[in-house]
Amino acid sequence: MRSRIVDAALRTVVGGGYASTSVRSIAATGGFSPALVFYHFGSVDALLLAVLDRVSADRLARYETRLANVSDLRALGAAMEELYSEDLRLGQLTAVQEIVGAMAFDPVLGDEIGRRMQPWVTFAEQLAARIIAGSPLAGFVEPAVIGSAVIALYMGLEIVARMRGGDSSGSSALMATLVQAAPWIDQLLSKATPARRRPATTVAIE
């Protein structure tokens, strides 16, 4: 039953946002009594934290698997384009942004949100360290700063999309631009595989 309630809450947040998510709307989505929400979770906020736990665990596992062997921007760009497309299709990025955005500044719930987002920040930091390893930036740029900036940008993409009436074409275009620019940036970071030199052409002089 707890899993069923979490499913209903996730669908409710994705469909109507945090402001429209209530015990009644969640119960209506899931087809169960509103009293069950309080019985199993105690409050809507506790339920939404459970939603965040599930979504975060599922997506972080997916990101860790997909990006496990990524060590340059070219591979990262291709992977992120794929992952972002999944996030848009599943609607889970919307749920995370709604819950985090609504609770992050609450004096009590903010700490709960911070603890739940820390694994993402740590993951982004480790990925950034792997990307810049062996480049001129290693030792000069703090991976933790890059990691936090990446999480902020990724979360912000959903906000911009909703400001555009749900149009995510701008965000998708940003991912496509990363894919296009990545090989050039890799070259600047000395991360790209050197192009194979063409054999010298011999000209016979008679």
C-alpha atoms as a PDB file:
ATOM      1  CA  MET A   1       0.000   0.000   0.000  1.00  0.00           C
ATOM      2  CA  ARG A   2       2.845   2.372   0.784  1.00  0.00           C
ATOM      3  CA  SER A   3       4.269   1.818  -2.694  1.00  0.00           C
ATOM      4  CA  ARG A   4       0.865   2.452  -4.238  1.00  0.00           C
ATOM      5  CA  ILE A   5       0.531   5.717  -2.316  1.00  0.00           C
ATOM      6  CA  VAL A   6       4.016   6.838  -3.411  1.00  0.00           C
ATOM      7  CA  ASP A   7       3.110   6.046  -7.030  1.00  0.00           C
ATOM      8  CA  ALA A   8      -0.053   8.130  -6.752  1.00  0.00           C
ATOM      9  CA  ALA A   9       1.812  11.039  -5.160  1.00  0.00           C
ATOM     10  CA  LEU A  10       4.442  10.961  -7.909  1.00  0.00           C
ATOM     11  CA  ARG A  11       1.800  11.064 -10.640  1.00  0.00           C
ATOM     12  CA  THR A  12      -0.004  13.883  -8.845  1.00  0.00           C
ATOM     13  CA  VAL A  13       3.117  16.047  -8.524  1.00  0.00           C
ATOM     14  CA  VAL A  14       4.112  15.463 -12.141  1.00  0.00           C
ATOM     15  CA  GLY A  15       0.615  16.221 -13.372  1.00  0.00           C
ATOM     16  CA  GLY A  16      -0.275  19.258 -11.270  1.00  0.00           C
ATOM     17  CA  GLY A  17       2.808  20.456  -9.439  1.00  0.00           C
ATOM     18  CA  TYR A  18       3.446  20.838  -5.723  1.00  0.00           C
ATOM     19  CA  ALA A  19       0.768  23.523  -5.251  1.00  0.00           C
ATOM     20  CA  SER A  20      -1.956  21.171  -6.510  1.00  0.00           C
ATOM     21  CA  THR A  21      -0.767  18.182  -4.511  1.00  0.00           C
ATOM     22  CA  SER A  22      -2.934  17.467  -1.467  1.00  0.00           C
ATOM     23  CA  VAL A  23      -4.159  14.433   0.427  1.00  0.00           C
ATOM     24  CA  ARG A  24      -7.396  14.547  -1.547  1.00  0.00           C
ATOM     25  CA  SER A  25      -5.731  14.879  -4.958  1.00  0.00           C
ATOM     26  CA  ILE A  26      -3.284  12.062  -4.192  1.00  0.00           C
ATOM     27  CA  ALA A  27      -6.078   9.801  -2.981  1.00  0.00           C
ATOM     28  CA  ALA A  28      -8.154  10.620  -6.057  1.00  0.00           C
ATOM     29  CA  THR A  29      -5.216   9.785  -8.329  1.00  0.00           C
ATOM     30  CA  GLY A  30      -4.580   6.462  -6.588  1.00  0.00           C
ATOM     31  CA  GLY A  31      -8.192   5.509  -5.923  1.00  0.00           C
ATOM     32  CA  PHE A  32      -7.837   4.990  -2.172  1.00  0.00           C
ATOM     33  CA  SER A  33      -9.020   6.646   1.035  1.00  0.00           C
ATOM     34  CA  PRO A  34      -7.274   9.915   2.046  1.00  0.00           C
ATOM     35  CA  ALA A  35      -6.936   8.490   5.563  1.00  0.00           C
ATOM     36  CA  LEU A  36      -4.372   5.985   4.250  1.00  0.00           C
ATOM     37  CA  VAL A  37      -1.936   8.803   3.494  1.00  0.00           C
ATOM     38  CA  PHE A  38      -1.905   9.875   7.124  1.00  0.00           C
ATOM     39  CA  TYR A  39      -1.857   6.286   8.368  1.00  0.00           C
ATOM     40  CA  HIS A  40       1.234   5.330   6.358  1.00  0.00           C
ATOM     41  CA  PHE A  41       3.134   8.646   6.171  1.00  0.00           C
ATOM     42  CA  GLY A  42       1.673  11.066   8.703  1.00  0.00           C
ATOM     43  CA  SER A  43       1.684  14.072   6.367  1.00  0.00           C
ATOM     44  CA  VAL A  44       1.815  15.078   2.714  1.00  0.00           C
ATOM     45  CA  ASP A  45       5.342  16.469   3.135  1.00  0.00           C
ATOM     46  CA  ALA A  46       6.578  13.153   4.568  1.00  0.00           C
ATOM     47  CA  LEU A  47       4.988  11.374   1.625  1.00  0.00           C
ATOM     48  CA  LEU A  48       6.641  13.719  -0.866  1.00  0.00           C
ATOM     49  CA  LEU A  49      10.002  13.100   0.769  1.00  0.00           C
ATOM     50  CA  ALA A  50       9.356   9.391   0.182  1.00  0.00           C
ATOM     51  CA  VAL A  51       8.613  10.221  -3.460  1.00  0.00           C
ATOM     52  CA  LEU A  52      11.909  12.086  -3.674  1.00  0.00           C
ATOM     53  CA  ASP A  53      13.721   9.137  -2.106  1.00  0.00           C
ATOM     54  CA  ARG A  54      12.338   6.732  -4.692  1.00  0.00           C
ATOM     55  CA  VAL A  55      12.885   8.950  -7.731  1.00  0.00           C
ATOM     56  CA  SER A  56      16.356   9.963  -6.602  1.00  0.00           C
ATOM     57  CA  ALA A  57      17.452   6.379  -5.926  1.00  0.00           C
ATOM     58  CA  ASP A  58      16.110   5.117  -9.252  1.00  0.00           C
ATOM     59  CA  ARG A  59      17.589   7.892 -11.369  1.00  0.00           C
ATOM     60  CA  LEU A  60      20.915   8.066  -9.542  1.00  0.00           C
ATOM     61  CA  ALA A  61      21.414   4.347 -10.112  1.00  0.00           C
ATOM     62  CA  ARG A  62      20.659   4.871 -13.811  1.00  0.00           C
ATOM     63  CA  TYR A  63      23.071   7.818 -14.064  1.00  0.00           C
ATOM     64  CA  GLU A  64      25.839   5.966 -12.244  1.00  0.00           C
ATOM     65  CA  THR A  65      25.499   3.003 -14.592  1.00  0.00           C
ATOM     66  CA  ARG A  66      25.314   5.076 -17.789  1.00  0.00           C
ATOM     67  CA  LEU A  67      28.189   7.405 -16.869  1.00  0.00           C
ATOM     68  CA  ALA A  68      30.433   4.834 -15.192  1.00  0.00           C
ATOM     69  CA  ASN A  69      33.032   4.819 -17.975  1.00  0.00           C
ATOM     70  CA  VAL A  70      32.712   8.436 -19.126  1.00  0.00           C
ATOM     71  CA  SER A  71      35.948  10.402 -18.866  1.00  0.00           C
ATOM     72  CA  ASP A  72      35.663  13.109 -21.531  1.00  0.00           C
ATOM     73  CA  LEU A  73      33.079  15.678 -22.599  1.00  0.00           C
ATOM     74  CA  ARG A  74      32.288  14.010 -25.903  1.00  0.00           C
ATOM     75  CA  ALA A  75      31.091  10.839 -24.175  1.00  0.00           C
ATOM     76  CA  LEU A  76      29.439  12.889 -21.438  1.00  0.00           C
ATOM     77  CA  GLY A  77      27.471  14.970 -23.922  1.00  0.00           C
ATOM     78  CA  ALA A  78      26.093  11.932 -25.730  1.00  0.00           C
ATOM     79  CA  ALA A  79      25.153  10.253 -22.442  1.00  0.00           C
ATOM     80  CA  MET A  80      23.531  13.364 -20.978  1.00  0.00           C
ATOM     81  CA  GLU A  81      21.457  13.924 -24.106  1.00  0.00           C
ATOM     82  CA  GLU A  82      20.126  10.383 -23.686  1.00  0.00           C
ATOM     83  CA  LEU A  83      19.542  10.709 -19.940  1.00  0.00           C
ATOM     84  CA  TYR A  84      17.852  14.099 -20.176  1.00  0.00           C
ATOM     85  CA  SER A  85      15.494  12.747 -22.826  1.00  0.00           C
ATOM     86  CA  GLU A  86      14.594   9.932 -20.430  1.00  0.00           C
ATOM     87  CA  ASP A  87      14.004  12.400 -17.606  1.00  0.00           C
ATOM     88  CA  LEU A  88      11.637  14.440 -19.748  1.00  0.00           C
ATOM     89  CA  ARG A  89       9.747  11.370 -20.903  1.00  0.00           C
ATOM     90  CA  LEU A  90       9.373   9.917 -17.408  1.00  0.00           C
ATOM     91  CA  GLY A  91       8.494  13.238 -15.776  1.00  0.00           C
ATOM     92  CA  GLN A  92      10.692  12.457 -12.791  1.00  0.00           C
ATOM     93  CA  LEU A  93      12.833  15.568 -13.170  1.00  0.00           C
ATOM     94  CA  THR A  94       9.630  17.584 -12.853  1.00  0.00           C
ATOM     95  CA  ALA A  95       8.769  15.828  -9.599  1.00  0.00           C
ATOM     96  CA  VAL A  96      12.237  16.384  -8.137  1.00  0.00           C
ATOM     97  CA  GLN A  97      12.278  20.063  -9.106  1.00  0.00           C
ATOM     98  CA  GLU A  98       8.789  20.631  -7.684  1.00  0.00           C
ATOM     99  CA  ILE A  99       9.550  18.964  -4.357  1.00  0.00           C
ATOM    100  CA  VAL A 100      13.025  20.446  -3.934  1.00  0.00           C
ATOM    101  CA  GLY A 101      11.893  23.912  -4.999  1.00  0.00           C
ATOM    102  CA  ALA A 102       8.986  23.906  -2.551  1.00  0.00           C
ATOM    103  CA  MET A 103      10.823  22.490   0.452  1.00  0.00           C
ATOM    104  CA  ALA A 104      14.429  23.644   0.150  1.00  0.00           C
ATOM    105  CA  PHE A 105      13.870  26.964   1.925  1.00  0.00           C
ATOM    106  CA  ASP A 106      11.737  25.558   4.716  1.00  0.00           C
ATOM    107  CA  PRO A 107      13.708  25.779   8.004  1.00  0.00           C
ATOM    108  CA  VAL A 108      12.906  22.151   8.876  1.00  0.00           C
ATOM    109  CA  LEU A 109      12.410  20.439   5.520  1.00  0.00           C
ATOM    110  CA  GLY A 110      15.429  22.213   4.009  1.00  0.00           C
ATOM    111  CA  ASP A 111      17.777  19.969   5.960  1.00  0.00           C
ATOM    112  CA  GLU A 112      15.882  16.894   4.754  1.00  0.00           C
ATOM    113  CA  ILE A 113      16.198  18.090   1.155  1.00  0.00           C
ATOM    114  CA  GLY A 114      19.895  18.825   1.603  1.00  0.00           C
ATOM    115  CA  ARG A 115      20.614  15.320   2.850  1.00  0.00           C
ATOM    116  CA  ARG A 116      18.730  13.791  -0.043  1.00  0.00           C
ATOM    117  CA  MET A 117      20.473  15.930  -2.674  1.00  0.00           C
ATOM    118  CA  GLN A 118      23.977  15.324  -1.302  1.00  0.00           C
ATOM    119  CA  PRO A 119      24.462  11.971  -3.121  1.00  0.00           C
ATOM    120  CA  TRP A 120      23.782  13.802  -6.401  1.00  0.00           C
ATOM    121  CA  VAL A 121      26.266  16.544  -5.571  1.00  0.00           C
ATOM    122  CA  THR A 122      28.882  13.947  -4.617  1.00  0.00           C
ATOM    123  CA  PHE A 123      28.243  12.023  -7.832  1.00  0.00           C
ATOM    124  CA  ALA A 124      28.566  15.185  -9.948  1.00  0.00           C
ATOM    125  CA  GLU A 125      31.767  16.113  -8.118  1.00  0.00           C
ATOM    126  CA  GLN A 126      33.310  12.698  -8.785  1.00  0.00           C
ATOM    127  CA  LEU A 127      32.274  12.859 -12.437  1.00  0.00           C
ATOM    128  CA  ALA A 128      33.777  16.347 -12.795  1.00  0.00           C
ATOM    129  CA  ALA A 129      37.035  15.132 -11.256  1.00  0.00           C
ATOM    130  CA  ARG A 130      37.151  12.296 -13.772  1.00  0.00           C
ATOM    131  CA  ILE A 131      36.476  14.636 -16.701  1.00  0.00           C
ATOM    132  CA  ILE A 132      39.211  17.141 -15.844  1.00  0.00           C
ATOM    133  CA  ALA A 133      41.779  14.531 -14.772  1.00  0.00           C
ATOM    134  CA  GLY A 134      44.849  14.732 -16.975  1.00  0.00           C
ATOM    135  CA  SER A 135      43.837  18.126 -18.371  1.00  0.00           C
ATOM    136  CA  PRO A 136      45.365  21.572 -17.739  1.00  0.00           C
ATOM    137  CA  LEU A 137      42.432  22.290 -15.394  1.00  0.00           C
ATOM    138  CA  ALA A 138      43.357  19.511 -12.975  1.00  0.00           C
ATOM    139  CA  GLY A 139      44.624  21.079  -9.765  1.00  0.00           C
ATOM    140  CA  PHE A 140      43.294  24.522 -10.685  1.00  0.00           C
ATOM    141  CA  VAL A 141      39.536  23.907 -10.748  1.00  0.00           C
ATOM    142  CA  GLU A 142      37.760  22.467  -7.731  1.00  0.00           C
ATOM    143  CA  PRO A 143      35.546  19.516  -8.780  1.00  0.00           C
ATOM    144  CA  ALA A 144      33.132  20.268  -5.919  1.00  0.00           C
ATOM    145  CA  VAL A 145      32.395  23.690  -7.420  1.00  0.00           C
ATOM    146  CA  ILE A 146      31.745  22.158 -10.834  1.00  0.00           C
ATOM    147  CA  GLY A 147      29.552  19.470  -9.303  1.00  0.00           C
ATOM    148  CA  SER A 148      27.331  21.970  -7.500  1.00  0.00           C
ATOM    149  CA  ALA A 149      27.080  24.145 -10.619  1.00  0.00           C
ATOM    150  CA  VAL A 150      26.080  21.175 -12.768  1.00  0.00           C
ATOM    151  CA  ILE A 151      23.298  20.161 -10.362  1.00  0.00           C
ATOM    152  CA  ALA A 152      22.025  23.760 -10.253  1.00  0.00           C
ATOM    153  CA  LEU A 153      22.025  23.979 -14.056  1.00  0.00           C
ATOM    154  CA  TYR A 154      20.299  20.639 -14.485  1.00  0.00           C
ATOM    155  CA  MET A 155      17.587  21.518 -11.981  1.00  0.00           C
ATOM    156  CA  GLY A 156      17.175  24.911 -13.618  1.00  0.00           C
ATOM    157  CA  LEU A 157      16.512  23.409 -17.038  1.00  0.00           C
ATOM    158  CA  GLU A 158      13.138  22.183 -15.821  1.00  0.00           C
ATOM    159  CA  ILE A 159      12.253  25.642 -14.477  1.00  0.00           C
ATOM    160  CA  VAL A 160      13.120  27.300 -17.791  1.00  0.00           C
ATOM    161  CA  ALA A 161      11.081  24.716 -19.697  1.00  0.00           C
ATOM    162  CA  ARG A 162       8.019  25.458 -17.565  1.00  0.00           C
ATOM    163  CA  MET A 163       8.525  29.208 -17.981  1.00  0.00           C
ATOM    164  CA  ARG A 164       8.270  28.507 -21.699  1.00  0.00           C
ATOM    165  CA  GLY A 165       4.907  26.812 -21.200  1.00  0.00           C
ATOM    166  CA  GLY A 166       6.336  23.319 -20.968  1.00  0.00           C
ATOM    167  CA  ASP A 167       8.422  23.731 -24.107  1.00  0.00           C
ATOM    168  CA  SER A 168      11.653  21.835 -23.472  1.00  0.00           C
ATOM    169  CA  SER A 169      13.119  22.503 -26.914  1.00  0.00           C
ATOM    170  CA  GLY A 170      15.511  25.099 -25.494  1.00  0.00           C
ATOM    171  CA  SER A 171      16.831  22.670 -22.901  1.00  0.00           C
ATOM    172  CA  SER A 172      17.141  19.921 -25.478  1.00  0.00           C
ATOM    173  CA  ALA A 173      18.976  22.343 -27.761  1.00  0.00           C
ATOM    174  CA  LEU A 174      21.426  23.049 -24.947  1.00  0.00           C
ATOM    175  CA  MET A 175      22.157  19.338 -24.672  1.00  0.00           C
ATOM    176  CA  ALA A 176      22.615  19.122 -28.444  1.00  0.00           C
ATOM    177  CA  THR A 177      25.014  22.084 -28.304  1.00  0.00           C
ATOM    178  CA  LEU A 178      27.047  20.299 -25.638  1.00  0.00           C
ATOM    179  CA  VAL A 179      27.313  17.272 -27.910  1.00  0.00           C
ATOM    180  CA  GLN A 180      28.487  19.446 -30.813  1.00  0.00           C
ATOM    181  CA  ALA A 181      30.963  21.477 -28.773  1.00  0.00           C
ATOM    182  CA  ALA A 182      32.349  18.612 -26.685  1.00  0.00           C
ATOM    183  CA  PRO A 183      35.013  17.381 -29.164  1.00  0.00           C
ATOM    184  CA  TRP A 184      36.446  20.902 -29.450  1.00  0.00           C
ATOM    185  CA  ILE A 185      36.484  21.409 -25.693  1.00  0.00           C
ATOM    186  CA  ASP A 186      38.127  18.002 -25.270  1.00  0.00           C
ATOM    187  CA  GLN A 187      40.876  19.164 -27.605  1.00  0.00           C
ATOM    188  CA  LEU A 188      41.385  22.305 -25.524  1.00  0.00           C
ATOM    189  CA  LEU A 189      41.605  20.119 -22.424  1.00  0.00           C
ATOM    190  CA  SER A 190      43.973  17.737 -24.214  1.00  0.00           C
ATOM    191  CA  LYS A 191      41.429  14.959 -23.682  1.00  0.00           C
ATOM    192  CA  ALA A 192      40.663  14.203 -27.305  1.00  0.00           C
ATOM    193  CA  THR A 193      42.313  11.385 -29.205  1.00  0.00           C
ATOM    194  CA  PRO A 194      44.792  12.979 -31.600  1.00  0.00           C
ATOM    195  CA  ALA A 195      43.696  12.838 -35.204  1.00  0.00           C
ATOM    196  CA  ARG A 196      45.599  10.281 -37.234  1.00  0.00           C
ATOM    197  CA  ARG A 197      48.156  12.019 -39.383  1.00  0.00           C
ATOM    198  CA  ARG A 198      47.818  11.389 -43.080  1.00  0.00           C
ATOM    199  CA  PRO A 199      50.774   9.716 -44.753  1.00  0.00           C
ATOM    200  CA  ALA A 200      53.063  12.191 -46.414  1.00  0.00           C
ATOM    201  CA  THR A 201      52.587  12.438 -50.163  1.00  0.00           C
ATOM    202  CA  THR A 202      55.767  11.786 -52.109  1.00  0.00           C
ATOM    203  CA  VAL A 203      56.237  13.951 -55.180  1.00  0.00           C
ATOM    204  CA  ALA A 204      58.699  12.700 -57.744  1.00  0.00           C
ATOM    205  CA  ILE A 205      60.889  15.421 -59.287  1.00  0.00           C
ATOM    206  CA  GLU A 206      62.191  14.598 -62.692  1.00  0.00           C
END
